[in-house]
Each structure stands twice: as structure tokens, then as C-alpha cells.
Amino acid sequence: MKEVCHKIADTYRGTVEIEMVSTVPSLMCDPQLTLEMAEYMSQIGIEGLKGIPNSTAIASEDFAIIAEKYRQLICF
């Protein structure tokens, strides 16, 4: 984000000051695991549940924190 802001400011001969107000880590999803989970969910039989191919969505801004804690637990 910082790099993008600075490049835009440089392009227009301006300046930018950035203050990061969140310390939430980036959420990185495993594409293969996502496909696997989508397949499992399709077998559950929930009425009206359907996937949208090649789409992205923000599920929760705090899930990255949960995933990071889980990764720390299973890596040690």
C-alpha cells in the first residue's frame, strides 16, 4: 500500500504521508485448499449454497489474526 501511494504521488509530483492504523497481518489463502473446501461444502447439501468461480471476497478483516495464531500452534 505504501509503495502504491508513493508512486502515485511521484507520478503527479506530489507528496504523501501515510499513517498505518491497523496491524492486521495479510491473509493469504491457499488456492488448492480453497478448491478442496469448496468441494466439501458442495457435498453438505445446504440449500441455495453455490460457489462463484474465479471470485474473491473479504470474509473478515480479523480472520488473518486467527489464521496466524493457528499457524503458530501447529508449527511448534
PDB file of N, CA and C in Angstrom:
ATOM      1  N   MET A   1       0.824  -1.181   0.000  1.00  0.00           N
ATOM      2  CA  MET A   1       0.000   0.000   0.000  1.00  0.00           C
ATOM      3  C   MET A   1       0.875   1.254   0.000  1.00  0.00           C
ATOM      4  N   LYS A   2       1.923   1.225   0.828  1.00  0.00           N
ATOM      5  CA  LYS A   2       2.806   2.391   0.896  1.00  0.00           C
ATOM      6  C   LYS A   2       3.461   2.664  -0.454  1.00  0.00           C
ATOM      7  N   GLU A   3       3.931   1.605  -1.098  1.00  0.00           N
ATOM      8  CA  GLU A   3       4.596   1.771  -2.388  1.00  0.00           C
ATOM      9  C   GLU A   3       3.646   2.365  -3.424  1.00  0.00           C
ATOM     10  N   VAL A   4       2.420   1.866  -3.460  1.00  0.00           N
ATOM     11  CA  VAL A   4       1.432   2.382  -4.415  1.00  0.00           C
ATOM     12  C   VAL A   4       1.180   3.863  -4.178  1.00  0.00           C
ATOM     13  N   CYS A   5       0.976   4.231  -2.931  1.00  0.00           N
ATOM     14  CA  CYS A   5       0.707   5.640  -2.601  1.00  0.00           C
ATOM     15  C   CYS A   5       1.871   6.543  -2.996  1.00  0.00           C
ATOM     16  N   HIS A   6       3.084   6.092  -2.699  1.00  0.00           N
ATOM     17  CA  HIS A   6       4.256   6.911  -3.036  1.00  0.00           C
ATOM     18  C   HIS A   6       4.435   7.029  -4.550  1.00  0.00           C
ATOM     19  N   LYS A   7       4.201   5.956  -5.285  1.00  0.00           N
ATOM     20  CA  LYS A   7       4.339   6.005  -6.752  1.00  0.00           C
ATOM     21  C   LYS A   7       3.289   6.939  -7.366  1.00  0.00           C
ATOM     22  N   ILE A   8       2.069   6.890  -6.856  1.00  0.00           N
ATOM     23  CA  ILE A   8       1.032   7.801  -7.367  1.00  0.00           C
ATOM     24  C   ILE A   8       1.417   9.243  -7.071  1.00  0.00           C
ATOM     25  N   ALA A   9       1.889   9.491  -5.872  1.00  0.00           N
ATOM     26  CA  ALA A   9       2.311  10.853  -5.515  1.00  0.00           C
ATOM     27  C   ALA A   9       3.456  11.314  -6.408  1.00  0.00           C
ATOM     28  N   ASP A  10       4.432  10.423  -6.659  1.00  0.00           N
ATOM     29  CA  ASP A  10       5.549  10.761  -7.545  1.00  0.00           C
ATOM     30  C   ASP A  10       5.065  11.074  -8.961  1.00  0.00           C
ATOM     31  N   THR A  11       4.120  10.281  -9.434  1.00  0.00           N
ATOM     32  CA  THR A  11       3.594  10.471 -10.793  1.00  0.00           C
ATOM     33  C   THR A  11       2.987  11.851 -10.971  1.00  0.00           C
ATOM     34  N   TYR A  12       2.291  12.313  -9.956  1.00  0.00           N
ATOM     35  CA  TYR A  12       1.634  13.619 -10.030  1.00  0.00           C
ATOM     36  C   TYR A  12       2.442  14.732  -9.362  1.00  0.00           C
ATOM     37  N   ARG A  13       3.728  14.447  -9.107  1.00  0.00           N
ATOM     38  CA  ARG A  13       4.656  15.400  -8.486  1.00  0.00           C
ATOM     39  C   ARG A  13       4.112  15.953  -7.163  1.00  0.00           C
ATOM     40  N   GLY A  14       3.562  15.041  -6.390  1.00  0.00           N
ATOM     41  CA  GLY A  14       3.029  15.418  -5.081  1.00  0.00           C
ATOM     42  C   GLY A  14       3.764  14.685  -3.976  1.00  0.00           C
ATOM     43  N   THR A  15       3.255  14.816  -2.791  1.00  0.00           N
ATOM     44  CA  THR A  15       3.820  14.104  -1.646  1.00  0.00           C
ATOM     45  C   THR A  15       2.688  13.399  -0.921  1.00  0.00           C
ATOM     46  N   VAL A  16       3.058  12.452  -0.126  1.00  0.00           N
ATOM     47  CA  VAL A  16       2.067  11.702   0.634  1.00  0.00           C
ATOM     48  C   VAL A  16       2.646  11.361   2.002  1.00  0.00           C
ATOM     49  N   GLU A  17       1.796  11.415   2.995  1.00  0.00           N
ATOM     50  CA  GLU A  17       2.162  10.946   4.332  1.00  0.00           C
ATOM     51  C   GLU A  17       1.219   9.798   4.655  1.00  0.00           C
ATOM     52  N   ILE A  18       1.776   8.697   5.102  1.00  0.00           N
ATOM     53  CA  ILE A  18       0.971   7.504   5.371  1.00  0.00           C
ATOM     54  C   ILE A  18       1.066   7.164   6.842  1.00  0.00           C
ATOM     55  N   GLU A  19      -0.080   6.964   7.444  1.00  0.00           N
ATOM     56  CA  GLU A  19      -0.135   6.510   8.833  1.00  0.00           C
ATOM     57  C   GLU A  19      -0.911   5.203   8.846  1.00  0.00           C
ATOM     58  N   MET A  20      -0.237   4.131   9.188  1.00  0.00           N
ATOM     59  CA  MET A  20      -0.889   2.824   9.250  1.00  0.00           C
ATOM     60  C   MET A  20      -1.630   2.735  10.585  1.00  0.00           C
ATOM     61  N   VAL A  21      -2.923   2.504  10.532  1.00  0.00           N
ATOM     62  CA  VAL A  21      -3.721   2.476  11.753  1.00  0.00           C
ATOM     63  C   VAL A  21      -4.161   1.058  12.124  1.00  0.00           C
ATOM     64  N   SER A  22      -3.711   0.081  11.365  1.00  0.00           N
ATOM     65  CA  SER A  22      -4.077  -1.299  11.644  1.00  0.00           C
ATOM     66  C   SER A  22      -2.831  -2.169  11.598  1.00  0.00           C
ATOM     67  N   THR A  23      -2.802  -3.146  12.458  1.00  0.00           N
ATOM     68  CA  THR A  23      -1.668  -4.070  12.461  1.00  0.00           C
ATOM     69  C   THR A  23      -2.117  -5.489  12.102  1.00  0.00           C
ATOM     70  N   VAL A  24      -3.220  -5.600  11.401  1.00  0.00           N
ATOM     71  CA  VAL A  24      -3.719  -6.910  10.996  1.00  0.00           C
ATOM     72  C   VAL A  24      -2.810  -7.462   9.905  1.00  0.00           C
ATOM     73  N   PRO A  25      -2.330  -8.703  10.065  1.00  0.00           N
ATOM     74  CA  PRO A  25      -1.454  -9.278   9.038  1.00  0.00           C
ATOM     75  C   PRO A  25      -2.234  -9.577   7.756  1.00  0.00           C
ATOM     76  N   SER A  26      -1.506  -9.747   6.672  1.00  0.00           N
ATOM     77  CA  SER A  26      -2.138 -10.107   5.406  1.00  0.00           C
ATOM     78  C   SER A  26      -2.715 -11.511   5.499  1.00  0.00           C
ATOM     79  N   LEU A  27      -3.847 -11.711   4.854  1.00  0.00           N
ATOM     80  CA  LEU A  27      -4.468 -13.031   4.818  1.00  0.00           C
ATOM     81  C   LEU A  27      -4.151 -13.651   3.473  1.00  0.00           C
ATOM     82  N   MET A  28      -3.420 -14.747   3.503  1.00  0.00           N
ATOM     83  CA  MET A  28      -3.052 -15.445   2.280  1.00  0.00           C
ATOM     84  C   MET A  28      -3.813 -16.769   2.228  1.00  0.00           C
ATOM     85  N   CYS A  29      -4.608 -16.943   1.197  1.00  0.00           N
ATOM     86  CA  CYS A  29      -5.391 -18.161   1.047  1.00  0.00           C
ATOM     87  C   CYS A  29      -4.682 -19.123   0.102  1.00  0.00           C
ATOM     88  N   ASP A  30      -4.717 -20.392   0.453  1.00  0.00           N
ATOM     89  CA  ASP A  30      -4.131 -21.449  -0.365  1.00  0.00           C
ATOM     90  C   ASP A  30      -5.157 -21.843  -1.427  1.00  0.00           C
ATOM     91  N   PRO A  31      -4.865 -21.603  -2.712  1.00  0.00           N
ATOM     92  CA  PRO A  31      -5.849 -21.881  -3.770  1.00  0.00           C
ATOM     93  C   PRO A  31      -6.304 -23.342  -3.804  1.00  0.00           C
ATOM     94  N   GLN A  32      -5.377 -24.281  -3.625  1.00  0.00           N
ATOM     95  CA  GLN A  32      -5.747 -25.703  -3.661  1.00  0.00           C
ATOM     96  C   GLN A  32      -6.649 -26.061  -2.484  1.00  0.00           C
ATOM     97  N   LEU A  33      -6.317 -25.574  -1.302  1.00  0.00           N
ATOM     98  CA  LEU A  33      -7.150 -25.838  -0.131  1.00  0.00           C
ATOM     99  C   LEU A  33      -8.532 -25.214  -0.296  1.00  0.00           C
ATOM    100  N   THR A  34      -8.588 -24.026  -0.895  1.00  0.00           N
ATOM    101  CA  THR A  34      -9.870 -23.361  -1.134  1.00  0.00           C
ATOM    102  C   THR A  34     -10.746 -24.213  -2.040  1.00  0.00           C
ATOM    103  N   LEU A  35     -10.176 -24.755  -3.118  1.00  0.00           N
ATOM    104  CA  LEU A  35     -10.938 -25.628  -4.022  1.00  0.00           C
ATOM    105  C   LEU A  35     -11.405 -26.892  -3.311  1.00  0.00           C
ATOM    106  N   GLU A  36     -10.533 -27.444  -2.473  1.00  0.00           N
ATOM    107  CA  GLU A  36     -10.880 -28.648  -1.724  1.00  0.00           C
ATOM    108  C   GLU A  36     -12.038 -28.378  -0.760  1.00  0.00           C
ATOM    109  N   MET A  37     -11.971 -27.260  -0.045  1.00  0.00           N
ATOM    110  CA  MET A  37     -13.041 -26.910   0.888  1.00  0.00           C
ATOM    111  C   MET A  37     -14.346 -26.621   0.158  1.00  0.00           C
ATOM    112  N   ALA A  38     -14.265 -25.973  -1.006  1.00  0.00           N
ATOM    113  CA  ALA A  38     -15.464 -25.706  -1.798  1.00  0.00           C
ATOM    114  C   ALA A  38     -16.123 -27.015  -2.225  1.00  0.00           C
ATOM    115  N   GLU A  39     -15.315 -28.004  -2.565  1.00  0.00           N
ATOM    116  CA  GLU A  39     -15.856 -29.319  -2.945  1.00  0.00           C
ATOM    117  C   GLU A  39     -16.563 -29.971  -1.753  1.00  0.00           C
ATOM    118  N   TYR A  40     -15.939 -29.927  -0.578  1.00  0.00           N
ATOM    119  CA  TYR A  40     -16.573 -30.480   0.626  1.00  0.00           C
ATOM    120  C   TYR A  40     -17.902 -29.782   0.902  1.00  0.00           C
ATOM    121  N   MET A  41     -17.894 -28.458   0.799  1.00  0.00           N
ATOM    122  CA  MET A  41     -19.114 -27.708   1.090  1.00  0.00           C
ATOM    123  C   MET A  41     -20.221 -28.034   0.100  1.00  0.00           C
ATOM    124  N   SER A  42     -19.850 -28.324  -1.147  1.00  0.00           N
ATOM    125  CA  SER A  42     -20.873 -28.656  -2.141  1.00  0.00           C
ATOM    126  C   SER A  42     -21.538 -29.993  -1.822  1.00  0.00           C
ATOM    127  N   GLN A  43     -20.864 -30.837  -1.056  1.00  0.00           N
ATOM    128  CA  GLN A  43     -21.403 -32.154  -0.699  1.00  0.00           C
ATOM    129  C   GLN A  43     -22.275 -32.123   0.556  1.00  0.00           C
ATOM    130  N   ILE A  44     -22.260 -31.025   1.289  1.00  0.00           N
ATOM    131  CA  ILE A  44     -23.020 -30.923   2.544  1.00  0.00           C
ATOM    132  C   ILE A  44     -24.519 -30.894   2.280  1.00  0.00           C
ATOM    133  N   GLY A  45     -24.908 -30.297   1.176  1.00  0.00           N
ATOM    134  CA  GLY A  45     -26.326 -30.246   0.836  1.00  0.00           C
ATOM    135  C   GLY A  45     -27.072 -29.068   1.428  1.00  0.00           C
ATOM    136  N   ILE A  46     -26.417 -27.945   1.595  1.00  0.00           N
ATOM    137  CA  ILE A  46     -27.080 -26.753   2.103  1.00  0.00           C
ATOM    138  C   ILE A  46     -27.848 -26.106   0.964  1.00  0.00           C
ATOM    139  N   GLU A  47     -29.129 -25.965   1.129  1.00  0.00           N
ATOM    140  CA  GLU A  47     -29.981 -25.405   0.089  1.00  0.00           C
ATOM    141  C   GLU A  47     -29.556 -23.981  -0.263  1.00  0.00           C
ATOM    142  N   GLY A  48     -29.403 -23.713  -1.541  1.00  0.00           N
ATOM    143  CA  GLY A  48     -29.048 -22.372  -2.008  1.00  0.00           C
ATOM    144  C   GLY A  48     -27.563 -22.069  -1.975  1.00  0.00           C
ATOM    145  N   LEU A  49     -26.750 -22.977  -1.425  1.00  0.00           N
ATOM    146  CA  LEU A  49     -25.302 -22.742  -1.362  1.00  0.00           C
ATOM    147  C   LEU A  49     -24.697 -23.014  -2.728  1.00  0.00           C
ATOM    148  N   LYS A  50     -24.028 -22.022  -3.268  1.00  0.00           N
ATOM    149  CA  LYS A  50     -23.349 -22.219  -4.544  1.00  0.00           C
ATOM    150  C   LYS A  50     -22.117 -21.345  -4.597  1.00  0.00           C
ATOM    151  N   GLY A  51     -21.116 -21.845  -5.251  1.00  0.00           N
ATOM    152  CA  GLY A  51     -19.867 -21.113  -5.390  1.00  0.00           C
ATOM    153  C   GLY A  51     -19.904 -20.202  -6.591  1.00  0.00           C
ATOM    154  N   ILE A  52     -19.020 -19.259  -6.586  1.00  0.00           N
ATOM    155  CA  ILE A  52     -18.886 -18.348  -7.712  1.00  0.00           C
ATOM    156  C   ILE A  52     -17.473 -18.520  -8.255  1.00  0.00           C
ATOM    157  N   PRO A  53     -17.328 -19.172  -9.401  1.00  0.00           N
ATOM    158  CA  PRO A  53     -15.978 -19.427  -9.944  1.00  0.00           C
ATOM    159  C   PRO A  53     -15.186 -18.145 -10.172  1.00  0.00           C
ATOM    160  N   ASN A  54     -13.885 -18.233  -9.915  1.00  0.00           N
ATOM    161  CA  ASN A  54     -12.942 -17.124 -10.149  1.00  0.00           C
ATOM    162  C   ASN A  54     -13.339 -15.835  -9.434  1.00  0.00           C
ATOM    163  N   SER A  55     -13.860 -15.949  -8.232  1.00  0.00           N
ATOM    164  CA  SER A  55     -14.240 -14.753  -7.486  1.00  0.00           C
ATOM    165  C   SER A  55     -13.429 -14.662  -6.204  1.00  0.00           C
ATOM    166  N   THR A  56     -13.353 -13.455  -5.679  1.00  0.00           N
ATOM    167  CA  THR A  56     -12.692 -13.234  -4.396  1.00  0.00           C
ATOM    168  C   THR A  56     -13.660 -12.459  -3.511  1.00  0.00           C
ATOM    169  N   ALA A  57     -13.508 -12.631  -2.218  1.00  0.00           N
ATOM    170  CA  ALA A  57     -14.362 -11.919  -1.280  1.00  0.00           C
ATOM    171  C   ALA A  57     -13.620 -11.753   0.033  1.00  0.00           C
ATOM    172  N   ILE A  58     -13.919 -10.702   0.735  1.00  0.00           N
ATOM    173  CA  ILE A  58     -13.343 -10.476   2.052  1.00  0.00           C
ATOM    174  C   ILE A  58     -14.312 -11.050   3.077  1.00  0.00           C
ATOM    175  N   ALA A  59     -13.880 -12.128   3.733  1.00  0.00           N
ATOM    176  CA  ALA A  59     -14.756 -12.771   4.700  1.00  0.00           C
ATOM    177  C   ALA A  59     -14.749 -12.027   6.037  1.00  0.00           C
ATOM    178  N   SER A  60     -13.583 -11.670   6.497  1.00  0.00           N
ATOM    179  CA  SER A  60     -13.484 -10.996   7.781  1.00  0.00           C
ATOM    180  C   SER A  60     -12.102 -10.382   7.911  1.00  0.00           C
ATOM    181  N   GLU A  61     -12.039  -9.146   8.342  1.00  0.00           N
ATOM    182  CA  GLU A  61     -10.748  -8.489   8.455  1.00  0.00           C
ATOM    183  C   GLU A  61      -9.914  -9.052   9.598  1.00  0.00           C
ATOM    184  N   ASP A  62     -10.539  -9.754  10.538  1.00  0.00           N
ATOM    185  CA  ASP A  62      -9.769 -10.296  11.653  1.00  0.00           C
ATOM    186  C   ASP A  62      -9.420 -11.765  11.487  1.00  0.00           C
ATOM    187  N   PHE A  63      -9.847 -12.402  10.408  1.00  0.00           N
ATOM    188  CA  PHE A  63      -9.535 -13.813  10.221  1.00  0.00           C
ATOM    189  C   PHE A  63      -8.039 -14.040  10.062  1.00  0.00           C
ATOM    190  N   ALA A  64      -7.311 -13.078   9.514  1.00  0.00           N
ATOM    191  CA  ALA A  64      -5.863 -13.212   9.369  1.00  0.00           C
ATOM    192  C   ALA A  64      -5.200 -13.402  10.738  1.00  0.00           C
ATOM    193  N   ILE A  65      -5.719 -12.742  11.751  1.00  0.00           N
ATOM    194  CA  ILE A  65      -5.173 -12.898  13.106  1.00  0.00           C
ATOM    195  C   ILE A  65      -5.429 -14.310  13.615  1.00  0.00           C
ATOM    196  N   ILE A  66      -6.624 -14.810  13.388  1.00  0.00           N
ATOM    197  CA  ILE A  66      -6.965 -16.175  13.803  1.00  0.00           C
ATOM    198  C   ILE A  66      -6.083 -17.181  13.077  1.00  0.00           C
ATOM    199  N   ALA A  67      -5.928 -17.021  11.766  1.00  0.00           N
ATOM    200  CA  ALA A  67      -5.104 -17.938  10.973  1.00  0.00           C
ATOM    201  C   ALA A  67      -3.651 -17.909  11.439  1.00  0.00           C
ATOM    202  N   GLU A  68      -3.147 -16.728  11.762  1.00  0.00           N
ATOM    203  CA  GLU A  68      -1.768 -16.615  12.228  1.00  0.00           C
ATOM    204  C   GLU A  68      -1.576 -17.350  13.556  1.00  0.00           C
ATOM    205  N   LYS A  69      -2.515 -17.208  14.472  1.00  0.00           N
ATOM    206  CA  LYS A  69      -2.436 -17.908  15.764  1.00  0.00           C
ATOM    207  C   LYS A  69      -2.471 -19.423  15.557  1.00  0.00           C
ATOM    208  N   TYR A  70      -3.332 -19.885  14.665  1.00  0.00           N
ATOM    209  CA  TYR A  70      -3.445 -21.313  14.379  1.00  0.00           C
ATOM    210  C   TYR A  70      -2.140 -21.835  13.787  1.00  0.00           C
ATOM    211  N   ARG A  71      -1.548 -21.069  12.841  1.00  0.00           N
ATOM    212  CA  ARG A  71      -0.277 -21.459  12.227  1.00  0.00           C
ATOM    213  C   ARG A  71       0.800 -21.587  13.280  1.00  0.00           C
ATOM    214  N   GLN A  72       0.823 -20.681  14.244  1.00  0.00           N
ATOM    215  CA  GLN A  72       1.821 -20.734  15.310  1.00  0.00           C
ATOM    216  C   GLN A  72       1.624 -21.991  16.145  1.00  0.00           C
ATOM    217  N   LEU A  73       0.384 -22.381  16.391  1.00  0.00           N
ATOM    218  CA  LEU A  73       0.120 -23.580  17.193  1.00  0.00           C
ATOM    219  C   LEU A  73       0.568 -24.863  16.501  1.00  0.00           C
ATOM    220  N   ILE A  74       0.298 -24.957  15.208  1.00  0.00           N
ATOM    221  CA  ILE A  74       0.619 -26.211  14.522  1.00  0.00           C
ATOM    222  C   ILE A  74       2.076 -26.299  14.085  1.00  0.00           C
ATOM    223  N   CYS A  75       2.776 -25.179  14.070  1.00  0.00           N
ATOM    224  CA  CYS A  75       4.184 -25.188  13.647  1.00  0.00           C
ATOM    225  C   CYS A  75       5.143 -25.493  14.796  1.00  0.00           C
ATOM    226  N   PHE A  76       4.649 -25.504  16.023  1.00  0.00           N
ATOM    227  CA  PHE A  76       5.528 -25.760  17.167  1.00  0.00           C
ATOM    228  C   PHE A  76       5.187 -27.036  17.852  1.00  0.00           C
TER     229      PHE A  76
END
